[in-house]
C-alpha cells in the first residue's frame, strides 16, 4: 500500500494578514491572525517529518495549475480578479470580504490547486493507492464565480476536472468531511449527474 503526500513550503507563505479571527486589527483590536492561518498546516507537515511517518510516504511534488485547469471550473472574471488583486502591494480578497490574501496570492493558490491535481493524478495513474494533499489556501467554499470562506480556487473540483479531461475518468464521488458544508463543491457539481457529493459534518455533540 503506497500513500502519497503533497506539501510545499510555499503553502505556509499564503498570507491572510493580521486579523484577529475575522476582525481587522486596529487601535482597539490587537493584531493576531486570521482563522485560516499557516500555523496548523505547518505544524502538521512538521509532525509528519519528525514522527518518521514521512519515510513511509511517497512525496508528490505539487505542480502549478494552469489557466486551462482553473477555467474548467472558474470564470475568467474570477481569475482576472485574483490576478489583479495579487499584484497589489498589500494583496486583496478572494471575493466575499472575509478571504484575504497577500501579494503573490494567485501563484500560491494555483500551486494549491496544482497540489490537488498532482495527488489525484498519482492515484488515478496507479503510482500510489491513495494520497493526502496538505494544501493552502483551502478550496471547498469557492464557487465558479468567486472565492469565499477563505478559499480562492475550488481545489478538489479543479483536480477532478483535470483527470476527467485528460485521463478518461468519468464518474466521481466527493466525500467532504469537515465542520463546514462544502457549498462551493456542491454548487459546482449540483447539476452534474456524474459527480456525487457526500458531506459529513463534524459537530461538538
Protein backbone atom coordinates (compact mmCIF):
# COMPACT_ATOMS: atom_id res chain seq x y z
CA UNK A 1 0.00 0.00 0.00
CA UNK A 2 1.53 3.31 -1.13
CA UNK A 3 0.24 6.60 0.25
CA UNK A 4 1.17 9.83 -1.48
CA UNK A 5 1.74 13.11 0.33
CA UNK A 6 1.74 16.66 -1.06
CA UNK A 7 3.18 19.58 0.88
CA UNK A 8 5.11 22.62 -0.31
CA UNK A 9 6.73 25.20 1.98
CA UNK A 10 5.16 27.92 -0.14
CA UNK A 11 1.74 26.89 1.22
CA UNK A 12 2.90 28.24 4.57
CA UNK A 13 3.54 31.59 2.91
CA UNK A 14 -0.13 32.12 1.96
CA UNK A 15 -0.69 35.38 3.80
CA UNK A 16 -4.07 36.03 5.41
CA UNK A 17 -2.94 39.09 7.33
CA UNK A 18 -3.08 40.12 10.98
CA UNK A 19 -6.82 39.99 11.63
CA UNK A 20 -7.95 38.68 14.99
CA UNK A 21 -10.20 35.99 13.62
CA UNK A 22 -12.21 37.90 11.05
CA UNK A 23 -11.91 41.26 12.82
CA UNK A 24 -9.29 43.63 11.33
CA UNK A 25 -6.61 44.71 13.76
CA UNK A 26 -6.81 48.32 14.92
CA UNK A 27 -6.05 50.54 17.90
CA UNK A 28 -8.82 48.64 19.73
CA UNK A 29 -8.08 45.12 18.41
CA UNK A 30 -4.67 43.55 18.95
CA UNK A 31 -3.14 42.10 15.76
CA UNK A 32 -3.13 38.32 15.85
CA UNK A 33 -4.03 36.00 12.98
CA UNK A 34 -6.88 35.16 10.64
CA UNK A 35 -8.78 31.92 11.28
CA UNK A 36 -7.14 30.46 8.17
CA UNK A 37 -3.50 30.86 9.18
CA UNK A 38 -0.44 28.78 8.38
CA UNK A 39 0.02 27.50 11.94
CA UNK A 40 -1.93 24.24 11.85
CA UNK A 41 -0.78 23.17 8.37
CA UNK A 42 2.89 23.93 9.06
CA UNK A 43 2.67 22.05 12.36
CA UNK A 44 1.03 19.08 10.61
CA UNK A 45 3.79 19.00 7.98
CA UNK A 46 6.46 19.22 10.68
CA UNK A 47 4.91 16.36 12.65
CA UNK A 48 4.88 14.18 9.53
CA UNK A 49 8.64 14.72 9.30
CA UNK A 50 9.69 14.43 12.94
CA UNK A 51 7.46 11.42 13.63
CA UNK A 52 9.22 9.42 10.92
CA UNK A 53 5.96 8.97 9.02
CA UNK A 54 7.44 10.79 6.01
CA UNK A 55 9.72 7.79 5.37
CA UNK A 56 6.64 5.65 4.68
CA UNK A 57 5.00 8.15 2.32
CA UNK A 58 5.56 8.82 -1.38
CA UNK A 59 6.33 12.51 -1.73
CA UNK A 60 4.35 14.00 -4.64
CA UNK A 61 5.65 17.36 -5.91
CA UNK A 62 2.93 19.93 -6.48
CA UNK A 63 2.51 21.43 -9.92
CA UNK A 64 1.21 24.86 -10.83
CA UNK A 65 -2.39 24.67 -12.02
CA UNK A 66 -2.60 26.28 -15.45
CA UNK A 67 -5.21 28.77 -16.58
CA UNK A 68 -6.76 25.92 -18.58
CA UNK A 69 -7.08 23.90 -15.37
CA UNK A 70 -8.61 26.80 -13.47
CA UNK A 71 -11.01 27.78 -16.25
CA UNK A 72 -12.54 24.30 -16.37
CA UNK A 73 -14.14 25.31 -13.07
CA UNK A 74 -13.92 29.08 -12.62
CA UNK A 75 -14.96 32.07 -14.70
CA UNK A 76 -12.45 34.25 -16.50
CA UNK A 77 -13.70 37.19 -14.42
CA UNK A 78 -12.77 35.40 -11.19
CA UNK A 79 -9.27 34.58 -12.45
CA UNK A 80 -8.76 38.14 -13.61
CA UNK A 81 -9.89 39.46 -10.22
CA UNK A 82 -7.47 37.21 -8.28
CA UNK A 83 -4.58 38.05 -10.62
CA UNK A 84 -5.27 41.76 -10.31
CA UNK A 85 -5.60 41.70 -6.50
CA UNK A 86 -2.50 39.52 -6.28
CA UNK A 87 -0.39 42.31 -7.79
CA UNK A 88 -1.41 44.84 -5.15
CA UNK A 89 1.34 45.61 -2.62
CA UNK A 90 -0.97 44.52 0.20
CA UNK A 91 -2.82 41.82 -1.74
CA UNK A 92 -6.59 41.61 -1.79
CA UNK A 93 -9.63 39.47 -1.07
CA UNK A 94 -10.94 36.38 -2.83
CA UNK A 95 -14.38 37.94 -3.26
CA UNK A 96 -16.52 37.69 -0.13
CA UNK A 97 -14.73 40.29 2.01
CA UNK A 98 -13.58 37.64 4.51
CA UNK A 99 -10.92 35.82 2.49
CA UNK A 100 -7.77 37.97 2.43
CA UNK A 101 -4.54 37.06 0.69
CA UNK A 102 -1.20 38.77 0.27
CA UNK A 103 0.79 39.85 -2.74
CA UNK A 104 1.51 36.85 -4.96
CA UNK A 105 -1.57 35.04 -3.68
CA UNK A 106 -2.60 33.95 -7.18
CA UNK A 107 0.58 31.92 -7.63
CA UNK A 108 0.26 30.20 -4.25
CA UNK A 109 -3.44 29.46 -4.82
CA UNK A 110 -2.65 27.98 -8.24
CA UNK A 111 0.03 25.83 -6.57
CA UNK A 112 -2.54 24.63 -4.03
CA UNK A 113 -4.92 23.65 -6.81
CA UNK A 114 -1.97 22.05 -8.59
CA UNK A 115 -1.14 20.07 -5.46
CA UNK A 116 -4.62 18.58 -5.55
CA UNK A 117 -4.19 17.82 -9.25
CA UNK A 118 -0.84 16.10 -8.67
CA UNK A 119 -2.25 13.97 -5.84
CA UNK A 120 -5.29 12.84 -7.81
CA UNK A 121 -3.29 12.11 -10.95
CA UNK A 122 -0.89 9.96 -8.92
CA UNK A 123 -3.81 7.90 -7.61
CA UNK A 124 -5.55 7.57 -10.98
CA UNK A 125 -2.31 6.54 -12.68
CA UNK A 126 -1.66 3.88 -10.04
CA UNK A 127 1.59 5.41 -8.77
CA UNK A 128 0.04 5.41 -5.28
CA UNK A 129 -3.03 3.78 -3.75
CA UNK A 130 -4.21 6.94 -2.04
CA UNK A 131 -2.90 10.42 -1.36
CA UNK A 132 -3.19 13.30 1.07
CA UNK A 133 -2.73 16.83 -0.25
CA UNK A 134 -1.95 19.23 2.62
CA UNK A 135 -2.51 22.47 0.73
CA UNK A 136 -3.24 26.13 1.44
CA UNK A 137 -5.32 28.07 0.64
CA UNK A 138 -8.22 25.61 1.04
CA UNK A 139 -10.90 25.24 -1.61
CA UNK A 140 -14.29 23.71 -0.87
CA UNK A 141 -16.16 27.01 -0.36
CA UNK A 142 -15.05 28.63 -3.64
CA UNK A 143 -17.68 28.69 -6.38
CA UNK A 144 -17.18 29.21 -10.10
CA UNK A 145 -17.55 33.00 -9.98
CA UNK A 146 -15.83 33.90 -6.71
CA UNK A 147 -13.77 32.76 -3.77
CA UNK A 148 -15.32 32.64 -0.32
CA UNK A 149 -14.90 31.11 3.10
CA UNK A 150 -11.08 31.61 2.99
CA UNK A 151 -10.93 29.67 -0.29
CA UNK A 152 -9.61 31.20 -3.52
CA UNK A 153 -9.97 28.34 -6.00
CA UNK A 154 -12.03 25.13 -5.80
CA UNK A 155 -9.05 22.79 -5.44
CA UNK A 156 -10.90 19.46 -5.42
CA UNK A 157 -13.12 20.37 -8.38
CA UNK A 158 -10.10 21.61 -10.35
CA UNK A 159 -8.32 18.30 -9.73
CA UNK A 160 -11.41 16.32 -10.70
CA UNK A 161 -11.86 18.25 -13.93
CA UNK A 162 -8.20 17.77 -14.81
CA UNK A 163 -8.41 13.96 -14.65
CA UNK A 164 -11.81 13.93 -16.34
CA UNK A 165 -10.41 15.96 -19.22
CA UNK A 166 -7.04 14.23 -19.59
CA UNK A 167 -7.20 10.75 -18.05
CA UNK A 168 -10.57 9.41 -19.17
CA UNK A 169 -12.20 9.44 -15.73
CA UNK A 170 -16.00 9.56 -15.84
CA UNK A 171 -18.00 9.20 -12.63
CA UNK A 172 -16.58 10.65 -9.39
CA UNK A 173 -17.58 10.65 -5.73
CA UNK A 174 -16.56 13.55 -3.48
CA UNK A 175 -16.64 12.84 0.27
CA UNK A 176 -16.27 16.11 2.18
CA UNK A 177 -15.60 15.60 5.90
CA UNK A 178 -15.44 18.93 7.71
CA UNK A 179 -17.06 21.15 10.31
CA UNK A 180 -18.42 23.28 7.45
CA UNK A 181 -20.51 22.30 4.47
CA UNK A 182 -18.53 22.41 1.22
CA UNK A 183 -21.02 24.69 -0.51
CA UNK A 184 -18.66 25.55 -3.35
CA UNK A 185 -18.11 21.97 -4.46
CA UNK A 186 -21.84 21.34 -4.17
CA UNK A 187 -22.72 24.33 -6.35
CA UNK A 188 -20.15 23.43 -8.99
CA UNK A 189 -21.47 19.87 -9.33
CA UNK A 190 -25.15 20.37 -8.45
CA UNK A 191 -26.35 19.68 -12.00
CA UNK A 192 -23.66 17.14 -12.97
CA UNK A 193 -25.11 13.60 -12.86
CA UNK A 194 -21.62 12.04 -12.96
CA UNK A 195 -20.37 13.61 -9.72
CA UNK A 196 -21.87 12.56 -6.38
CA UNK A 197 -21.07 14.86 -3.44
CA UNK A 198 -21.39 13.45 0.09
CA UNK A 199 -20.96 15.77 3.08
CA UNK A 200 -20.11 14.57 6.59
CA UNK A 201 -20.36 17.46 9.03
CA UNK A 202 -18.44 17.24 12.30
CA UNK A 203 -20.24 18.61 15.35
CA UNK A 204 -19.41 19.05 19.01
CA UNK A 205 -22.41 16.97 20.06
